[in-house]
Amino acid sequence: MAPFSAPIESGMSNPLNPVAVIGSGSWATAIAKIVLEAQDHIYWYMRRQDAIDDFLRTGHNPSYLTSLQFNTERIHFTTDLNEVARECETLIFVTPSPYLKNHLKKLKVRLSDKFIVTAIKGIVPDENLVCTEYFRQVYNVPDENLAVIGGPSHAEEVALNRLTYLTTACSNLQKARLLAALIGSGFIKTKTSQDVIGIEYASVLKNVYAIAAGICGGLKYGDNFQSVLMSNAAQEMNRFLRAVYPIERNIYDSVYLGDLLVTGYSNFSRNRVFGTMIGRGYSVKSAQIEMEMIAEGYYGTKCMKDINRRFHVNMPILDAVYNILYERISPAVEIKLLTDSFR
């Protein structure tokens, strides 16, 4: 994995242009800001025309990161996914993973010759596939046209221009560098990787572990235990990645360990917040209703549990979160059993 670097010289000469951002949530809004730091213009797909109308009227996303102002003259908004697929070379998907399939059902334009980037830190439910695998299997996108953006990156901090380190990954390293050029700026430092699948699975698992951290917080476990939980989570993640995609990687790189830590510890983490509510006695449904946002780790937990039935990796934290969320085992009982397995 290449070291972090200063922004790569970019602009409209980048062959990955034009770029479309697909999604309307907080991370999609942050990704749009990131790309517009280095590029002159983007396409932006949103599902609802009323959201676009409000955005054009106010200059900001009406529902997410509302303090973040945009120059809307640099954005071509559309509710037509086929339009962005026709007009753009690069499609950056930032929709919640449970909704990806429904968005793509509208698509009639071939994707196989497009550069598909997923900034989705989730897994496709029912299919039990990380997003690049879904694009490969269902839409015949070749490996060299599939990429991910990963790393510890809360949308709220990106909106504030706080220093952020992102990793762009693609099997074609030159395209990973070109993607880094699209997103590098004064506050976005980039590095490149070829571990597409490993980064995607790590981004799913860190959400599961953040739910575990939240549950433990809700149960009043302290920082001493949380550090042990995160240490064991990193080991569990490493075991799974070695089993499912055994290439050389350093689990301590920021795209793995850094993303795990920021999601497990930060109050910006919706997965941690969701877990905290569960630990305090909320039901899954009541926690989801009160949050009004998607905690992707809820869906990721079931998908990862199903996937691990093929690999049989020792994953006690994943098992504990699954038992709490899906088997309705008491969080206090399940976490006590988990603590007895740690050393």
Protein backbone atom coordinates (compact mmCIF):
# COMPACT_ATOMS: atom_id res chain seq x y z
CA MET A 1 0.00 0.00 0.00
CA ALA A 2 1.43 3.35 -1.04
CA PRO A 3 2.15 5.98 1.64
CA PHE A 4 -0.17 8.93 2.07
CA SER A 5 0.68 11.73 -0.32
CA ALA A 6 -0.16 15.32 -1.10
CA PRO A 7 -2.96 15.99 -3.60
CA ILE A 8 -2.19 14.72 -7.08
CA GLU A 9 -2.37 17.29 -9.85
CA SER A 10 -5.88 16.88 -11.18
CA GLY A 11 -8.68 18.74 -12.91
CA MET A 12 -10.73 18.22 -16.02
CA SER A 13 -7.82 16.48 -17.77
CA ASN A 14 -8.30 13.44 -15.56
CA PRO A 15 -9.59 10.62 -17.84
CA LEU A 16 -12.05 9.56 -15.14
CA ASN A 17 -14.08 12.72 -15.72
CA PRO A 18 -17.00 13.44 -15.90
CA VAL A 19 -17.90 12.15 -12.43
CA ALA A 20 -21.31 11.40 -10.93
CA VAL A 21 -22.13 11.08 -7.25
CA ILE A 22 -25.05 8.73 -6.67
CA GLY A 23 -26.83 9.19 -3.35
CA SER A 24 -28.22 11.98 -1.19
CA GLY A 25 -27.21 11.15 2.38
CA SER A 26 -24.53 12.64 4.60
CA TRP A 27 -21.62 10.63 3.18
CA ALA A 28 -22.80 11.27 -0.40
CA THR A 29 -22.89 14.98 0.42
CA ALA A 30 -19.38 14.79 1.86
CA ILE A 31 -18.12 12.87 -1.20
CA ALA A 32 -19.61 15.54 -3.47
CA LYS A 33 -17.76 18.20 -1.48
CA ILE A 34 -14.53 16.20 -1.71
CA VAL A 35 -14.76 15.79 -5.49
CA LEU A 36 -15.68 19.45 -6.02
CA GLU A 37 -12.54 20.49 -4.12
CA ALA A 38 -10.50 19.15 -7.05
CA GLN A 39 -12.93 19.09 -9.99
CA ASP A 40 -14.82 21.87 -11.74
CA HIS A 41 -18.15 20.11 -12.13
CA ILE A 42 -20.04 16.98 -11.11
CA TYR A 43 -23.28 15.21 -11.88
CA TRP A 44 -25.30 14.38 -8.78
CA TYR A 45 -28.08 11.80 -8.80
CA MET A 46 -30.78 12.10 -6.16
CA ARG A 47 -33.90 10.00 -6.08
CA ARG A 48 -36.36 12.78 -5.17
CA GLN A 49 -37.00 15.86 -7.28
CA ASP A 50 -38.25 17.83 -4.27
CA ALA A 51 -34.87 17.34 -2.57
CA ILE A 52 -33.14 18.69 -5.69
CA ASP A 53 -35.52 21.66 -5.83
CA ASP A 54 -34.81 22.50 -2.18
CA PHE A 55 -31.07 22.10 -2.76
CA LEU A 56 -31.14 24.50 -5.72
CA ARG A 57 -33.21 27.00 -3.73
CA THR A 58 -31.08 26.98 -0.55
CA GLY A 59 -27.63 25.97 -1.82
CA HIS A 60 -27.36 23.06 0.60
CA ASN A 61 -28.65 19.53 1.06
CA PRO A 62 -32.03 20.01 2.74
CA SER A 63 -31.70 16.89 4.90
CA TYR A 64 -27.99 16.24 5.60
CA LEU A 65 -25.00 18.40 6.51
CA THR A 66 -27.26 21.41 6.12
CA SER A 67 -24.55 23.90 7.12
CA LEU A 68 -22.44 22.88 4.10
CA GLN A 69 -23.00 25.32 1.22
CA PHE A 70 -22.42 24.42 -2.44
CA ASN A 71 -22.07 26.41 -5.63
CA THR A 72 -24.94 24.73 -7.43
CA GLU A 73 -23.79 26.13 -10.78
CA ARG A 74 -21.04 23.49 -10.62
CA ILE A 75 -23.54 20.65 -10.11
CA HIS A 76 -25.82 19.02 -12.63
CA PHE A 77 -28.59 17.48 -10.54
CA THR A 78 -30.78 14.72 -11.93
CA THR A 79 -33.26 12.08 -10.83
CA ASP A 80 -32.41 10.01 -13.93
CA LEU A 81 -29.82 7.34 -13.16
CA ASN A 82 -29.60 6.48 -16.85
CA GLU A 83 -28.59 10.05 -17.65
CA VAL A 84 -25.57 9.94 -15.36
CA ALA A 85 -24.65 6.47 -16.62
CA ARG A 86 -24.71 7.77 -20.22
CA GLU A 87 -22.89 11.05 -19.59
CA CYS A 88 -20.24 10.14 -16.99
CA GLU A 89 -17.12 8.02 -17.08
CA THR A 90 -17.01 7.52 -13.30
CA LEU A 91 -19.96 6.66 -11.09
CA ILE A 92 -19.38 6.98 -7.35
CA PHE A 93 -22.08 5.05 -5.49
CA VAL A 94 -22.83 6.37 -2.00
CA THR A 95 -26.28 4.96 -1.38
CA PRO A 96 -27.06 2.87 1.72
CA SER A 97 -26.31 -0.73 0.80
CA PRO A 98 -29.88 -1.99 1.52
CA TYR A 99 -31.17 0.33 -1.23
CA LEU A 100 -28.52 -0.29 -3.90
CA LYS A 101 -30.45 -3.01 -5.74
CA ASN A 102 -33.60 -0.91 -6.01
CA HIS A 103 -31.68 2.07 -7.40
CA LEU A 104 -30.00 -0.10 -10.01
CA LYS A 105 -33.30 -1.64 -11.16
CA LYS A 106 -33.95 1.64 -13.01
CA LEU A 107 -30.77 1.23 -15.03
CA LYS A 108 -30.88 0.50 -18.75
CA VAL A 109 -27.41 1.76 -19.67
CA ARG A 110 -24.57 -0.77 -19.74
CA LEU A 111 -22.10 -0.37 -16.86
CA SER A 112 -19.31 -2.67 -18.02
CA ASP A 113 -17.32 0.13 -19.68
CA LYS A 114 -17.79 2.61 -16.80
CA PHE A 115 -15.45 3.14 -13.85
CA ILE A 116 -17.55 2.09 -10.86
CA VAL A 117 -16.49 3.39 -7.46
CA THR A 118 -18.20 2.35 -4.27
CA ALA A 119 -17.97 4.50 -1.17
CA ILE A 120 -20.64 2.29 0.42
CA LYS A 121 -19.48 0.83 3.71
CA GLY A 122 -21.97 -1.97 3.66
CA ILE A 123 -23.01 -5.20 2.00
CA VAL A 124 -25.88 -6.02 -0.39
CA PRO A 125 -28.56 -7.79 1.68
CA ASP A 126 -30.08 -11.01 0.32
CA GLU A 127 -27.11 -11.35 -2.04
CA ASN A 128 -24.47 -11.44 0.74
CA LEU A 129 -22.05 -9.70 -1.62
CA VAL A 130 -19.83 -6.69 -1.08
CA CYS A 131 -20.72 -4.03 -3.59
CA THR A 132 -17.92 -4.55 -6.11
CA GLU A 133 -18.72 -8.27 -6.22
CA TYR A 134 -22.34 -7.35 -6.91
CA PHE A 135 -21.37 -5.07 -9.81
CA ARG A 136 -19.04 -7.76 -11.15
CA GLN A 137 -21.53 -10.60 -10.99
CA VAL A 138 -24.75 -8.81 -11.95
CA TYR A 139 -23.53 -6.03 -14.27
CA ASN A 140 -20.38 -7.67 -15.69
CA VAL A 141 -18.09 -4.82 -14.66
CA PRO A 142 -14.47 -6.05 -14.96
CA ASP A 143 -12.10 -5.89 -12.01
CA GLU A 144 -10.02 -3.09 -13.55
CA ASN A 145 -13.15 -0.89 -13.61
CA LEU A 146 -14.10 -1.51 -9.97
CA ALA A 147 -12.77 0.61 -7.12
CA VAL A 148 -13.49 1.56 -3.53
CA ILE A 149 -12.91 4.60 -1.34
CA GLY A 150 -12.18 3.66 2.27
CA GLY A 151 -10.65 4.94 5.45
CA PRO A 152 -11.66 6.68 8.69
CA SER A 153 -13.91 9.47 7.48
CA HIS A 154 -16.92 10.93 9.23
CA ALA A 155 -18.98 13.07 6.88
CA GLU A 156 -19.41 15.70 9.59
CA GLU A 157 -15.64 16.24 9.82
CA VAL A 158 -15.23 16.36 6.04
CA ALA A 159 -17.86 19.11 6.01
CA LEU A 160 -15.66 21.06 8.44
CA ASN A 161 -12.52 20.59 6.27
CA ARG A 162 -10.86 18.55 9.00
CA LEU A 163 -7.82 16.60 7.89
CA THR A 164 -8.91 13.21 6.55
CA TYR A 165 -6.93 10.24 5.19
CA LEU A 166 -8.59 8.16 2.48
CA THR A 167 -7.49 5.09 0.57
CA THR A 168 -8.44 4.45 -3.05
CA ALA A 169 -8.26 0.81 -4.11
CA CYS A 170 -8.46 -0.83 -7.53
CA SER A 171 -6.84 -3.90 -9.06
CA ASN A 172 -5.48 -1.50 -11.69
CA LEU A 173 -3.10 0.62 -9.63
CA GLN A 174 -2.96 3.38 -12.23
CA LYS A 175 -6.72 3.81 -11.96
CA ALA A 176 -6.42 3.84 -8.17
CA ARG A 177 -3.99 6.77 -8.59
CA LEU A 178 -6.36 8.56 -10.96
CA LEU A 179 -9.15 8.13 -8.42
CA ALA A 180 -6.85 9.57 -5.77
CA ALA A 181 -6.41 12.58 -8.07
CA LEU A 182 -10.17 13.05 -8.15
CA ILE A 183 -10.49 13.29 -4.38
CA GLY A 184 -7.15 14.67 -3.13
CA SER A 185 -7.15 18.22 -1.74
CA GLY A 186 -5.62 20.35 0.98
CA PHE A 187 -7.50 18.45 3.68
CA ILE A 188 -7.86 15.06 1.96
CA LYS A 189 -4.67 12.99 1.89
CA THR A 190 -4.73 9.84 -0.20
CA LYS A 191 -2.98 6.52 -0.57
CA THR A 192 -3.59 3.67 -2.99
CA SER A 193 -4.13 -0.05 -2.63
CA GLN A 194 -5.15 -3.10 -4.65
CA ASP A 195 -7.01 -4.76 -1.76
CA VAL A 196 -10.51 -3.94 -3.00
CA ILE A 197 -12.31 -6.90 -1.43
CA GLY A 198 -10.40 -6.73 1.86
CA ILE A 199 -11.20 -3.05 2.31
CA GLU A 200 -14.88 -3.67 1.58
CA TYR A 201 -15.18 -6.51 4.06
CA ALA A 202 -13.28 -4.50 6.68
CA SER A 203 -15.70 -1.60 6.21
CA VAL A 204 -18.63 -3.94 6.83
CA LEU A 205 -17.09 -5.55 9.88
CA LYS A 206 -16.08 -2.28 11.53
CA ASN A 207 -19.77 -1.30 11.57
CA VAL A 208 -20.61 -4.56 13.35
CA TYR A 209 -17.86 -3.94 15.90
CA ALA A 210 -19.06 -0.36 16.41
CA ILE A 211 -22.49 -1.73 17.31
CA ALA A 212 -20.75 -4.00 19.82
CA ALA A 213 -18.91 -1.01 21.26
CA GLY A 214 -22.17 0.90 21.53
CA ILE A 215 -23.93 -2.00 23.25
CA CYS A 216 -21.11 -2.20 25.78
CA GLY A 217 -21.30 1.55 26.33
CA GLY A 218 -25.03 1.31 26.89
CA LEU A 219 -24.37 -1.43 29.44
CA LYS A 220 -21.91 0.90 31.26
CA TYR A 221 -18.73 -0.97 30.40
CA GLY A 222 -15.85 1.49 30.63
CA ASP A 223 -12.90 2.55 28.51
CA ASN A 224 -10.70 -0.23 29.89
CA PHE A 225 -13.01 -2.86 28.44
CA GLN A 226 -13.67 -0.93 25.23
CA SER A 227 -9.95 -1.00 24.43
CA VAL A 228 -9.91 -4.77 24.88
CA LEU A 229 -13.01 -5.07 22.70
CA MET A 230 -11.40 -3.06 19.88
CA SER A 231 -8.17 -5.06 20.17
CA ASN A 232 -10.09 -8.31 19.84
CA ALA A 233 -12.17 -6.84 17.00
CA ALA A 234 -9.00 -6.04 15.02
CA GLN A 235 -7.79 -9.61 15.51
CA GLU A 236 -11.18 -11.01 14.50
CA MET A 237 -11.24 -8.82 11.38
CA ASN A 238 -7.75 -9.96 10.45
CA ARG A 239 -8.70 -13.63 10.82
CA PHE A 240 -11.68 -13.18 8.54
CA LEU A 241 -9.80 -11.21 5.87
CA ARG A 242 -7.04 -13.82 5.79
CA ALA A 243 -9.64 -16.54 5.30
CA VAL A 244 -11.77 -14.87 2.65
CA TYR A 245 -9.12 -12.98 0.65
CA PRO A 246 -5.60 -14.09 1.62
CA ILE A 247 -3.28 -11.44 0.19
CA GLU A 248 -0.53 -9.48 1.90
CA ARG A 249 -1.99 -6.58 3.90
CA ASN A 250 -1.21 -4.68 7.09
CA ILE A 251 -4.26 -4.71 9.33
CA TYR A 252 -2.80 -1.71 11.18
CA ASP A 253 -3.18 0.53 8.12
CA SER A 254 -5.69 3.32 8.60
CA VAL A 255 -8.15 1.88 6.08
CA TYR A 256 -8.56 -1.15 8.38
CA LEU A 257 -7.65 -0.29 11.98
CA GLY A 258 -8.20 3.46 11.66
CA ASP A 259 -11.69 3.02 10.29
CA LEU A 260 -12.46 0.48 13.00
CA LEU A 261 -11.34 2.85 15.75
CA VAL A 262 -13.12 5.96 14.52
CA THR A 263 -16.37 4.03 14.01
CA GLY A 264 -16.10 2.28 17.36
CA TYR A 265 -15.26 5.33 19.45
CA SER A 266 -16.81 8.42 17.86
CA ASN A 267 -20.14 9.96 18.75
CA PHE A 268 -20.55 10.70 15.01
CA SER A 269 -20.83 6.95 14.41
CA ARG A 270 -24.45 5.99 13.78
CA ASN A 271 -23.58 2.32 14.31
CA ARG A 272 -22.18 3.05 17.74
CA VAL A 273 -25.23 5.19 18.56
CA PHE A 274 -27.51 2.36 17.41
CA GLY A 275 -25.61 -0.11 19.61
CA THR A 276 -25.75 2.22 22.60
CA MET A 277 -29.53 2.35 22.31
CA ILE A 278 -29.70 -1.45 22.17
CA GLY A 279 -27.49 -1.67 25.26
CA ARG A 280 -29.81 0.72 27.08
CA GLY A 281 -32.81 -1.48 26.41
CA TYR A 282 -34.28 -0.24 23.13
CA SER A 283 -35.64 -2.83 20.74
CA VAL A 284 -34.10 -2.93 17.27
CA LYS A 285 -37.22 -1.42 15.72
CA SER A 286 -37.56 1.40 18.25
CA ALA A 287 -33.86 2.28 17.90
CA GLN A 288 -34.17 2.41 14.11
CA ILE A 289 -37.26 4.61 14.30
CA GLU A 290 -35.69 7.06 16.74
CA MET A 291 -32.41 7.33 14.79
CA GLU A 292 -34.09 8.12 11.44
CA MET A 293 -30.85 7.06 9.73
CA ILE A 294 -29.50 3.77 8.45
CA ALA A 295 -27.12 1.88 10.73
CA GLU A 296 -25.60 -0.34 8.06
CA GLY A 297 -24.04 -2.62 10.65
CA TYR A 298 -27.48 -4.00 11.47
CA TYR A 299 -27.81 -5.45 7.97
CA GLY A 300 -24.09 -6.23 7.78
CA THR A 301 -24.28 -8.37 10.91
CA LYS A 302 -26.71 -10.84 9.37
CA CYS A 303 -24.89 -10.88 6.03
CA MET A 304 -21.51 -11.51 7.66
CA LYS A 305 -22.97 -14.24 9.85
CA ASP A 306 -24.34 -15.96 6.73
CA ILE A 307 -21.06 -15.54 4.83
CA ASN A 308 -19.03 -16.91 7.71
CA ARG A 309 -21.03 -20.13 7.61
CA ARG A 310 -18.91 -20.89 4.54
CA PHE A 311 -15.56 -19.98 6.12
CA HIS A 312 -16.01 -21.04 9.76
CA VAL A 313 -13.74 -18.29 11.12
CA ASN A 314 -13.74 -17.86 14.90
CA MET A 315 -15.71 -14.59 15.27
CA PRO A 316 -17.13 -14.29 18.79
CA ILE A 317 -17.88 -10.56 18.55
CA LEU A 318 -19.85 -10.98 15.32
CA ASP A 319 -21.69 -13.91 16.89
CA ALA A 320 -22.55 -11.89 20.01
CA VAL A 321 -23.93 -8.94 18.02
CA TYR A 322 -25.94 -11.31 15.83
CA ASN A 323 -27.41 -13.06 18.87
CA ILE A 324 -28.45 -9.74 20.39
CA LEU A 325 -29.93 -8.22 17.22
CA TYR A 326 -31.49 -11.26 15.56
CA GLU A 327 -31.93 -13.92 18.25
CA ARG A 328 -33.08 -11.38 20.86
CA ILE A 329 -30.65 -12.62 23.46
CA SER A 330 -30.29 -10.23 26.40
CA PRO A 331 -27.41 -7.80 25.71
CA ALA A 332 -26.25 -8.10 29.34
CA VAL A 333 -26.13 -11.90 29.15
CA GLU A 334 -24.51 -12.05 25.70
CA ILE A 335 -21.82 -9.47 26.47
CA LYS A 336 -20.99 -11.20 29.76
CA LEU A 337 -20.39 -14.40 27.82
CA LEU A 338 -18.24 -12.44 25.37
CA THR A 339 -16.11 -10.93 28.15
CA ASP A 340 -15.35 -14.43 29.42
CA SER A 341 -13.88 -15.33 26.02
CA PHE A 342 -11.40 -12.39 26.04
CA ARG A 343 -7.93 -12.53 27.50
